[in-house]
C-alpha atoms as a PDB file:
ATOM      1  CA  MET A   1      54.434  66.337  90.686  1.00  0.00           C
ATOM      2  CA  PRO A   2      56.487  63.555  92.317  1.00  0.00           C
ATOM      3  CA  ILE A   3      59.595  65.746  92.040  1.00  0.00           C
ATOM      4  CA  ARG A   4      61.588  67.330  94.829  1.00  0.00           C
ATOM      5  CA  GLN A   5      64.989  68.854  95.309  1.00  0.00           C
ATOM      6  CA  LEU A   6      67.330  66.520  97.142  1.00  0.00           C
ATOM      7  CA  GLY A   7      69.683  67.585  99.899  1.00  0.00           C
ATOM      8  CA  GLU A   8      72.400  66.099 102.047  1.00  0.00           C
ATOM      9  CA  PRO A   9      69.986  63.793 103.970  1.00  0.00           C
ATOM     10  CA  GLU A  10      69.330  61.988 100.653  1.00  0.00           C
ATOM     11  CA  ARG A  11      72.999  61.549  99.798  1.00  0.00           C
ATOM     12  CA  ALA A  12      72.895  57.746 100.165  1.00  0.00           C
ATOM     13  CA  VAL A  13      69.901  57.588  97.832  1.00  0.00           C
ATOM     14  CA  VAL A  14      71.665  59.701  95.213  1.00  0.00           C
ATOM     15  CA  GLU A  15      74.843  57.630  95.456  1.00  0.00           C
ATOM     16  CA  ARG A  16      72.833  54.429  95.000  1.00  0.00           C
ATOM     17  CA  ILE A  17      71.366  55.741  91.746  1.00  0.00           C
ATOM     18  CA  LEU A  18      74.759  56.979  90.557  1.00  0.00           C
ATOM     19  CA  ASP A  19      76.385  53.634  91.333  1.00  0.00           C
ATOM     20  CA  ALA A  20      73.724  51.892  89.229  1.00  0.00           C
ATOM     21  CA  ASP A  21      75.024  53.788  86.176  1.00  0.00           C
ATOM     22  CA  PRO A  22      78.541  54.965  87.021  1.00  0.00           C
ATOM     23  CA  TYR A  23      79.317  56.120  83.475  1.00  0.00           C
ATOM     24  CA  ALA A  24      76.222  58.223  82.810  1.00  0.00           C
ATOM     25  CA  GLY A  25      76.348  59.566  86.353  1.00  0.00           C
ATOM     26  CA  ALA A  26      80.073  60.322  86.488  1.00  0.00           C
ATOM     27  CA  GLN A  27      79.736  64.091  86.188  1.00  0.00           C
ATOM     28  CA  ILE A  28      77.259  64.223  89.063  1.00  0.00           C
ATOM     29  CA  ALA A  29      79.188  61.704  91.163  1.00  0.00           C
ATOM     30  CA  GLU A  30      82.324  63.838  91.012  1.00  0.00           C
ATOM     31  CA  ARG A  31      80.413  66.906  92.208  1.00  0.00           C
ATOM     32  CA  VAL A  32      78.631  65.025  94.980  1.00  0.00           C
ATOM     33  CA  ALA A  33      81.930  63.594  96.221  1.00  0.00           C
ATOM     34  CA  ALA A  34      83.461  67.079  96.276  1.00  0.00           C
ATOM     35  CA  HIS A  35      80.550  69.159  97.585  1.00  0.00           C
ATOM     36  CA  GLY A  36      77.823  66.850  98.805  1.00  0.00           C
ATOM     37  CA  LEU A  37      74.281  67.898  97.934  1.00  0.00           C
ATOM     38  CA  ASN A  38      74.612  71.464  99.162  1.00  0.00           C
ATOM     39  CA  TRP A  39      73.603  73.286  95.984  1.00  0.00           C
ATOM     40  CA  TRP A  40      75.165  76.600  97.052  1.00  0.00           C
ATOM     41  CA  ARG A  41      78.584  74.926  97.051  1.00  0.00           C
ATOM     42  CA  SER A  42      78.281  73.081  93.744  1.00  0.00           C
ATOM     43  CA  ASP A  43      76.493  75.589  91.470  1.00  0.00           C
ATOM     44  CA  GLY A  44      73.683  73.195  90.693  1.00  0.00           C
ATOM     45  CA  ARG A  45      70.716  71.331  92.097  1.00  0.00           C
ATOM     46  CA  ILE A  46      69.756  67.674  92.108  1.00  0.00           C
ATOM     47  CA  TYR A  47      66.080  66.817  91.731  1.00  0.00           C
ATOM     48  CA  GLY A  48      64.666  63.385  92.425  1.00  0.00           C
ATOM     49  CA  TYR A  49      61.689  61.643  90.834  1.00  0.00           C
ATOM     50  CA  GLU A  50      59.801  59.850  93.599  1.00  0.00           C
ATOM     51  CA  PRO A  51      56.497  58.397  92.358  1.00  0.00           C
ATOM     52  CA  GLY A  52      56.149  56.093  95.357  1.00  0.00           C
ATOM     53  CA  ARG A  53      58.158  55.517  98.497  1.00  0.00           C
ATOM     54  CA  HIS A  54      61.590  55.677  96.852  1.00  0.00           C
ATOM     55  CA  VAL A  55      63.502  58.055  94.595  1.00  0.00           C
ATOM     56  CA  GLU A  56      63.859  56.291  91.248  1.00  0.00           C
ATOM     57  CA  SER A  57      65.616  58.845  89.029  1.00  0.00           C
ATOM     58  CA  ILE A  58      67.637  62.009  89.429  1.00  0.00           C
ATOM     59  CA  ILE A  59      68.630  64.981  87.323  1.00  0.00           C
ATOM     60  CA  TRP A  60      71.408  67.521  87.779  1.00  0.00           C
ATOM     61  CA  SER A  61      70.423  71.067  86.847  1.00  0.00           C
ATOM     62  CA  GLY A  62      73.212  73.591  86.552  1.00  0.00           C
ATOM     63  CA  ALA A  63      75.542  74.608  83.743  1.00  0.00           C
ATOM     64  CA  HIS A  64      74.601  71.241  82.243  1.00  0.00           C
ATOM     65  CA  LEU A  65      71.402  69.230  82.532  1.00  0.00           C
ATOM     66  CA  VAL A  66      72.243  65.582  83.275  1.00  0.00           C
ATOM     67  CA  PRO A  67      69.573  62.893  83.839  1.00  0.00           C
ATOM     68  CA  VAL A  68      70.543  59.580  85.451  1.00  0.00           C
ATOM     69  CA  GLY A  69      68.327  56.511  85.667  1.00  0.00           C
ATOM     70  CA  ALA A  70      65.551  58.537  84.065  1.00  0.00           C
ATOM     71  CA  THR A  71      62.542  56.503  82.940  1.00  0.00           C
ATOM     72  CA  PRO A  72      59.963  58.025  80.530  1.00  0.00           C
ATOM     73  CA  PRO A  73      57.666  59.050  83.422  1.00  0.00           C
ATOM     74  CA  ALA A  74      60.654  60.655  85.135  1.00  0.00           C
ATOM     75  CA  THR A  75      61.725  62.625  82.062  1.00  0.00           C
ATOM     76  CA  ALA A  76      58.136  63.822  81.615  1.00  0.00           C
ATOM     77  CA  ALA A  77      58.056  65.043  85.213  1.00  0.00           C
ATOM     78  CA  PHE A  78      61.510  66.645  84.980  1.00  0.00           C
ATOM     79  CA  ALA A  79      60.489  68.433  81.777  1.00  0.00           C
ATOM     80  CA  ASP A  80      57.300  69.758  83.393  1.00  0.00           C
ATOM     81  CA  LEU A  81      59.325  71.164  86.270  1.00  0.00           C
ATOM     82  CA  LEU A  82      62.222  72.620  84.298  1.00  0.00           C
ATOM     83  CA  GLY A  83      60.261  73.818  81.292  1.00  0.00           C
ATOM     84  CA  ALA A  84      58.377  76.306  83.420  1.00  0.00           C
ATOM     85  CA  GLU A  85      61.603  78.272  83.979  1.00  0.00           C
ATOM     86  CA  PRO A  86      64.054  79.935  81.578  1.00  0.00           C
ATOM     87  CA  ARG A  87      66.910  77.719  80.420  1.00  0.00           C
ATOM     88  CA  ILE A  88      70.105  78.076  82.466  1.00  0.00           C
ATOM     89  CA  CYS A  89      72.080  75.115  81.080  1.00  0.00           C
ATOM     90  CA  SER A  90      74.453  75.224  78.123  1.00  0.00           C
ATOM     91  CA  SER A  91      73.823  71.588  77.234  1.00  0.00           C
ATOM     92  CA  ILE A  92      71.808  68.460  77.999  1.00  0.00           C
ATOM     93  CA  ILE A  93      74.022  65.375  78.309  1.00  0.00           C
ATOM     94  CA  GLY A  94      73.363  61.742  79.187  1.00  0.00           C
ATOM     95  CA  ARG A  95      71.863  58.483  78.037  1.00  0.00           C
ATOM     96  CA  SER A  96      70.331  58.952  74.591  1.00  0.00           C
ATOM     97  CA  GLU A  97      66.794  57.911  75.449  1.00  0.00           C
ATOM     98  CA  ALA A  98      66.462  60.295  78.373  1.00  0.00           C
ATOM     99  CA  VAL A  99      68.188  63.248  76.702  1.00  0.00           C
ATOM    100  CA  LEU A 100      66.176  63.009  73.495  1.00  0.00           C
ATOM    101  CA  ASP A 101      62.922  62.582  75.419  1.00  0.00           C
ATOM    102  CA  LEU A 102      63.757  65.644  77.521  1.00  0.00           C
ATOM    103  CA  TRP A 103      64.562  67.650  74.426  1.00  0.00           C
ATOM    104  CA  ASP A 104      61.326  66.626  72.716  1.00  0.00           C
ATOM    105  CA  ARG A 105      59.471  68.002  75.724  1.00  0.00           C
ATOM    106  CA  LEU A 106      61.623  71.076  76.401  1.00  0.00           C
ATOM    107  CA  GLY A 107      62.431  72.158  72.862  1.00  0.00           C
ATOM    108  CA  GLY A 108      59.288  74.224  72.482  1.00  0.00           C
ATOM    109  CA  ASN A 109      60.246  76.375  75.463  1.00  0.00           C
ATOM    110  CA  TRP A 110      64.031  76.275  75.254  1.00  0.00           C
ATOM    111  CA  GLY A 111      64.702  75.967  71.543  1.00  0.00           C
ATOM    112  CA  PRO A 112      66.258  76.244  69.163  1.00  0.00           C
ATOM    113  CA  ALA A 113      69.358  74.192  69.945  1.00  0.00           C
ATOM    114  CA  ARG A 114      72.645  75.029  68.295  1.00  0.00           C
ATOM    115  CA  ASP A 115      73.313  71.332  67.703  1.00  0.00           C
ATOM    116  CA  VAL A 116      71.732  67.979  68.588  1.00  0.00           C
ATOM    117  CA  ARG A 117      73.954  64.891  68.571  1.00  0.00           C
ATOM    118  CA  PRO A 118      71.535  61.995  68.999  1.00  0.00           C
ATOM    119  CA  HIS A 119      73.948  59.063  69.037  1.00  0.00           C
ATOM    120  CA  GLN A 120      77.357  59.220  70.679  1.00  0.00           C
ATOM    121  CA  PRO A 121      78.737  55.765  71.505  1.00  0.00           C
ATOM    122  CA  LEU A 122      79.628  55.441  75.205  1.00  0.00           C
ATOM    123  CA  LEU A 123      82.789  53.364  75.529  1.00  0.00           C
ATOM    124  CA  VAL A 124      84.519  51.772  78.536  1.00  0.00           C
ATOM    125  CA  THR A 125      87.628  49.759  79.283  1.00  0.00           C
ATOM    126  CA  ASP A 126      89.003  48.214  82.463  1.00  0.00           C
ATOM    127  CA  ARG A 127      92.197  46.647  81.138  1.00  0.00           C
ATOM    128  CA  ASP A 128      95.527  47.767  79.756  1.00  0.00           C
ATOM    129  CA  PRO A 129      95.555  48.270  75.983  1.00  0.00           C
ATOM    130  CA  LEU A 130      97.084  45.530  73.876  1.00  0.00           C
ATOM    131  CA  VAL A 131      98.799  48.127  71.711  1.00  0.00           C
ATOM    132  CA  HIS A 132     102.079  49.595  72.910  1.00  0.00           C
ATOM    133  CA  PRO A 133     101.667  52.926  74.732  1.00  0.00           C
ATOM    134  CA  ASP A 134     103.600  55.855  73.324  1.00  0.00           C
ATOM    135  CA  PRO A 135     106.304  56.519  75.961  1.00  0.00           C
ATOM    136  CA  SER A 136     106.548  60.197  74.951  1.00  0.00           C
ATOM    137  CA  VAL A 137     102.982  60.931  76.095  1.00  0.00           C
ATOM    138  CA  ARG A 138     103.166  62.334  79.606  1.00  0.00           C
ATOM    139  CA  LEU A 139     101.454  64.546  82.145  1.00  0.00           C
ATOM    140  CA  VAL A 140     101.620  68.240  81.321  1.00  0.00           C
ATOM    141  CA  ARG A 141     103.726  70.296  83.723  1.00  0.00           C
ATOM    142  CA  ALA A 142     102.559  73.525  85.358  1.00  0.00           C
ATOM    143  CA  ALA A 143     105.061  75.551  83.339  1.00  0.00           C
ATOM    144  CA  GLU A 144     103.576  74.185  80.096  1.00  0.00           C
ATOM    145  CA  VAL A 145     100.027  75.553  80.433  1.00  0.00           C
ATOM    146  CA  ASP A 146     100.846  78.300  77.915  1.00  0.00           C
ATOM    147  CA  GLN A 147     101.803  75.646  75.366  1.00  0.00           C
ATOM    148  CA  LEU A 148      98.777  73.457  76.100  1.00  0.00           C
ATOM    149  CA  PHE A 149      96.188  76.230  76.041  1.00  0.00           C
ATOM    150  CA  PRO A 150      96.188  76.927  72.258  1.00  0.00           C
ATOM    151  CA  ALA A 151      95.728  73.206  71.592  1.00  0.00           C
ATOM    152  CA  ALA A 152      92.862  73.094  74.083  1.00  0.00           C
ATOM    153  CA  VAL A 153      91.200  76.074  72.402  1.00  0.00           C
ATOM    154  CA  ALA A 154      91.587  74.448  68.983  1.00  0.00           C
ATOM    155  CA  MET A 155      90.078  71.193  70.257  1.00  0.00           C
ATOM    156  CA  TYR A 156      87.139  72.937  71.930  1.00  0.00           C
ATOM    157  CA  THR A 157      86.374  75.062  68.884  1.00  0.00           C
ATOM    158  CA  GLU A 158      86.559  72.066  66.560  1.00  0.00           C
ATOM    159  CA  GLU A 159      84.437  69.846  68.787  1.00  0.00           C
ATOM    160  CA  VAL A 160      81.823  72.238  70.159  1.00  0.00           C
ATOM    161  CA  GLY A 161      81.581  74.619  67.230  1.00  0.00           C
ATOM    162  CA  VAL A 162      82.225  77.837  69.178  1.00  0.00           C
ATOM    163  CA  SER A 163      85.394  79.298  70.676  1.00  0.00           C
ATOM    164  CA  PRO A 164      85.880  79.195  74.459  1.00  0.00           C
ATOM    165  CA  LEU A 165      87.421  82.656  74.101  1.00  0.00           C
ATOM    166  CA  GLN A 166      84.246  84.441  73.093  1.00  0.00           C
ATOM    167  CA  ASP A 167      82.661  85.098  76.501  1.00  0.00           C
ATOM    168  CA  ASP A 168      85.466  86.244  78.782  1.00  0.00           C
ATOM    169  CA  GLY A 169      88.493  86.078  76.533  1.00  0.00           C
ATOM    170  CA  GLY A 170      89.099  82.506  77.644  1.00  0.00           C
ATOM    171  CA  ARG A 171      89.962  83.297  81.258  1.00  0.00           C
ATOM    172  CA  GLY A 172      87.531  80.747  82.697  1.00  0.00           C
ATOM    173  CA  TYR A 173      88.589  78.072  80.234  1.00  0.00           C
ATOM    174  CA  ARG A 174      92.253  78.709  80.935  1.00  0.00           C
ATOM    175  CA  ARG A 175      91.601  78.326  84.676  1.00  0.00           C
ATOM    176  CA  ARG A 176      89.961  74.982  83.978  1.00  0.00           C
ATOM    177  CA  ILE A 177      92.946  73.797  81.912  1.00  0.00           C
ATOM    178  CA  ALA A 178      95.357  74.956  84.620  1.00  0.00           C
ATOM    179  CA  GLU A 179      93.336  73.089  87.257  1.00  0.00           C
ATOM    180  CA  LEU A 180      93.500  69.867  85.242  1.00  0.00           C
ATOM    181  CA  VAL A 181      97.251  70.256  84.835  1.00  0.00           C
ATOM    182  CA  LYS A 182      97.716  70.891  88.565  1.00  0.00           C
ATOM    183  CA  ALA A 183      95.611  67.810  89.390  1.00  0.00           C
ATOM    184  CA  LYS A 184      97.747  65.621  87.077  1.00  0.00           C
ATOM    185  CA  ARG A 185      94.824  65.015  84.756  1.00  0.00           C
ATOM    186  CA  ALA A 186      96.176  66.537  81.516  1.00  0.00           C
ATOM    187  CA  TYR A 187      98.329  64.581  79.050  1.00  0.00           C
ATOM    188  CA  ALA A 188     100.232  65.687  75.975  1.00  0.00           C
ATOM    189  CA  LYS A 189     102.793  64.653  73.407  1.00  0.00           C
ATOM    190  CA  PHE A 190     105.171  67.420  72.371  1.00  0.00           C
ATOM    191  CA  ASP A 191     107.191  67.962  69.224  1.00  0.00           C
ATOM    192  CA  GLY A 192     109.572  70.580  70.495  1.00  0.00           C
ATOM    193  CA  ASP A 193     107.289  73.235  71.996  1.00  0.00           C
ATOM    194  CA  LEU A 194     104.299  72.163  69.883  1.00  0.00           C
ATOM    195  CA  VAL A 195     101.512  70.037  71.385  1.00  0.00           C
ATOM    196  CA  VAL A 196     100.712  67.364  68.803  1.00  0.00           C
ATOM    197  CA  PHE A 197      98.389  65.254  70.998  1.00  0.00           C
ATOM    198  CA  LYS A 198      96.389  66.054  74.101  1.00  0.00           C
ATOM    199  CA  ALA A 199      93.741  64.498  76.322  1.00  0.00           C
ATOM    200  CA  GLU A 200      92.343  65.166  79.782  1.00  0.00           C
ATOM    201  CA  LEU A 201      90.756  63.164  82.574  1.00  0.00           C
ATOM    202  CA  ALA A 202      87.876  65.614  82.748  1.00  0.00           C
ATOM    203  CA  ILE A 203      85.884  63.663  85.333  1.00  0.00           C
ATOM    204  CA  VAL A 204      87.231  61.381  88.067  1.00  0.00           C
ATOM    205  CA  THR A 205      85.138  59.246  90.417  1.00  0.00           C
ATOM    206  CA  ARG A 206      85.833  56.150  92.471  1.00  0.00           C
ATOM    207  CA  ARG A 207      84.213  54.072  89.704  1.00  0.00           C
ATOM    208  CA  THR A 208      85.576  55.614  86.496  1.00  0.00           C
ATOM    209  CA  THR A 209      87.542  58.413  84.918  1.00  0.00           C
ATOM    210  CA  GLN A 210      86.049  60.047  81.843  1.00  0.00           C
ATOM    211  CA  VAL A 211      88.454  61.127  79.110  1.00  0.00           C
ATOM    212  CA  GLN A 212      87.600  64.272  77.175  1.00  0.00           C
ATOM    213  CA  GLY A 213      89.423  66.724  74.959  1.00  0.00           C
ATOM    214  CA  VAL A 214      91.216  64.109  72.860  1.00  0.00           C
ATOM    215  CA  TRP A 215      92.889  65.988  70.011  1.00  0.00           C
ATOM    216  CA  VAL A 216      95.658  65.510  67.449  1.00  0.00           C
ATOM    217  CA  HIS A 217      97.250  68.472  65.702  1.00  0.00           C
ATOM    218  CA  PRO A 218      95.933  68.596  62.111  1.00  0.00           C
ATOM    219  CA  ASP A 219      99.446  68.311  60.650  1.00  0.00           C
ATOM    220  CA  TYR A 220      99.995  65.032  62.518  1.00  0.00           C
ATOM    221  CA  ARG A 221      96.746  63.251  61.718  1.00  0.00           C
ATOM    222  CA  GLY A 222      96.525  60.082  59.659  1.00  0.00           C
ATOM    223  CA  ASN A 223      99.871  58.574  60.686  1.00  0.00           C
ATOM    224  CA  GLY A 224      98.713  56.354  63.564  1.00  0.00           C
ATOM    225  CA  LEU A 225      99.963  58.649  66.320  1.00  0.00           C
ATOM    226  CA  ALA A 226      96.658  58.688  68.212  1.00  0.00           C
ATOM    227  CA  THR A 227      96.492  54.960  68.987  1.00  0.00           C
ATOM    228  CA  GLY A 228      99.750  54.764  70.930  1.00  0.00           C
ATOM    229  CA  ALA A 229      99.088  58.129  72.550  1.00  0.00           C
ATOM    230  CA  MET A 230      95.630  57.122  73.723  1.00  0.00           C
ATOM    231  CA  ALA A 231      96.985  53.790  74.949  1.00  0.00           C
ATOM    232  CA  ALA A 232      99.425  55.719  77.154  1.00  0.00           C
ATOM    233  CA  VAL A 233      96.574  57.758  78.651  1.00  0.00           C
ATOM    234  CA  VAL A 234      94.486  54.652  79.348  1.00  0.00           C
ATOM    235  CA  ALA A 235      97.369  52.726  80.902  1.00  0.00           C
ATOM    236  CA  ASP A 236      98.304  55.570  83.239  1.00  0.00           C
ATOM    237  CA  ALA A 237      94.685  56.337  84.209  1.00  0.00           C
ATOM    238  CA  LEU A 238      94.012  52.692  85.102  1.00  0.00           C
ATOM    239  CA  ARG A 239      97.234  52.430  87.087  1.00  0.00           C
ATOM    240  CA  ARG A 240      96.951  55.728  88.910  1.00  0.00           C
ATOM    241  CA  VAL A 241      93.386  57.048  88.965  1.00  0.00           C
ATOM    242  CA  SER A 242      90.327  54.787  88.531  1.00  0.00           C
ATOM    243  CA  PRO A 243      89.396  51.137  87.888  1.00  0.00           C
ATOM    244  CA  THR A 244      87.803  51.976  84.531  1.00  0.00           C
ATOM    245  CA  VAL A 245      88.267  54.556  81.789  1.00  0.00           C
ATOM    246  CA  SER A 246      85.234  55.812  79.875  1.00  0.00           C
ATOM    247  CA  LEU A 247      84.419  58.333  77.160  1.00  0.00           C
ATOM    248  CA  TYR A 248      81.801  59.163  74.572  1.00  0.00           C
ATOM    249  CA  VAL A 249      82.460  59.984  70.942  1.00  0.00           C
ATOM    250  CA  ASN A 250      80.486  61.340  67.998  1.00  0.00           C
ATOM    251  CA  ASP A 251      79.200  58.452  65.912  1.00  0.00           C
ATOM    252  CA  TYR A 252      80.462  60.031  62.679  1.00  0.00           C
ATOM    253  CA  ASN A 253      84.050  60.235  63.973  1.00  0.00           C
ATOM    254  CA  THR A 254      85.116  56.899  62.517  1.00  0.00           C
ATOM    255  CA  ALA A 255      88.834  57.586  62.923  1.00  0.00           C
ATOM    256  CA  ALA A 256      88.493  58.206  66.669  1.00  0.00           C
ATOM    257  CA  ARG A 257      86.226  55.194  67.114  1.00  0.00           C
ATOM    258  CA  ARG A 258      88.835  53.016  65.419  1.00  0.00           C
ATOM    259  CA  VAL A 259      91.525  54.339  67.791  1.00  0.00           C
ATOM    260  CA  TYR A 260      89.370  53.586  70.841  1.00  0.00           C
ATOM    261  CA  ALA A 261      88.561  50.088  69.612  1.00  0.00           C
ATOM    262  CA  ASN A 262      92.280  49.414  69.115  1.00  0.00           C
ATOM    263  CA  CYS A 263      92.865  50.563  72.704  1.00  0.00           C
ATOM    264  CA  GLY A 264      90.349  48.030  74.053  1.00  0.00           C
ATOM    265  CA  PHE A 265      87.249  50.156  74.597  1.00  0.00           C
ATOM    266  CA  VAL A 266      83.894  48.364  74.355  1.00  0.00           C
ATOM    267  CA  SER A 267      80.337  49.655  74.102  1.00  0.00           C
ATOM    268  CA  ALA A 268      78.437  50.677  77.221  1.00  0.00           C
ATOM    269  CA  GLY A 269      75.445  52.188  75.423  1.00  0.00           C
ATOM    270  CA  SER A 270      74.799  55.523  73.780  1.00  0.00           C
ATOM    271  CA  PHE A 271      74.891  59.153  74.872  1.00  0.00           C
ATOM    272  CA  ALA A 272      73.187  62.141  73.306  1.00  0.00           C
ATOM    273  CA  THR A 273      74.070  65.825  73.625  1.00  0.00           C
ATOM    274  CA  VAL A 274      71.995  68.939  73.000  1.00  0.00           C
ATOM    275  CA  LEU A 275      74.133  72.083  72.700  1.00  0.00           C
ATOM    276  CA  PHE A 276      72.833  75.641  73.110  1.00  0.00           C
END
């Protein structure tokens, strides 16, 4: 097969492919910037599809499976390689066409999936929102991790369908939340000690920052709070972190999509996610 694992000598090739699709490749780009292509440092491997003289597509294989620039011949080759081994990933994430093609080919060996989300609009903005940012939305402080953590657990459980507490009591997830707070990538709006809105810059690259974990407390939904709160996140991220802000959202979440449209996000294609 025209597939091989890529290492540090191919870093320029990998970065070229990631730059061609900076939103779909953001998760990989962040890891490459931090660890290079030394798989033992980054807990994952990058494979390249090279049918001729040049690598045309790549895929990250680790806790998540993430194809970038994957053509149908590339996804077929990736599936042949990966399907011969037991599944190690907890999800497949990326451009809809590649993810769904991979799942069609891998499902027989790796199935069943817990959930398949075939169309998740990928949205991007590079300008300040026209709506007024909520001035009470701010970065979470280190001393407030205990207040943020229950909101993060509620968001994760609602979004993913399982609790992040079930494997290790939430220790790993709490470390992740604490890391985001320390890196000034976690935002919240408080009502007293209660977190009523939260969002994180889960991925940061030189091309984009990807917002995840957007959540409004159930008692505060439906009153327009999310639009101003999200506008505050976007404005700060553009000023302080990256030249664009991106995210993907479930197509059935019409309320969230309306908030993002009001904050200036526009379509950049479609993602799909397969959850195990």
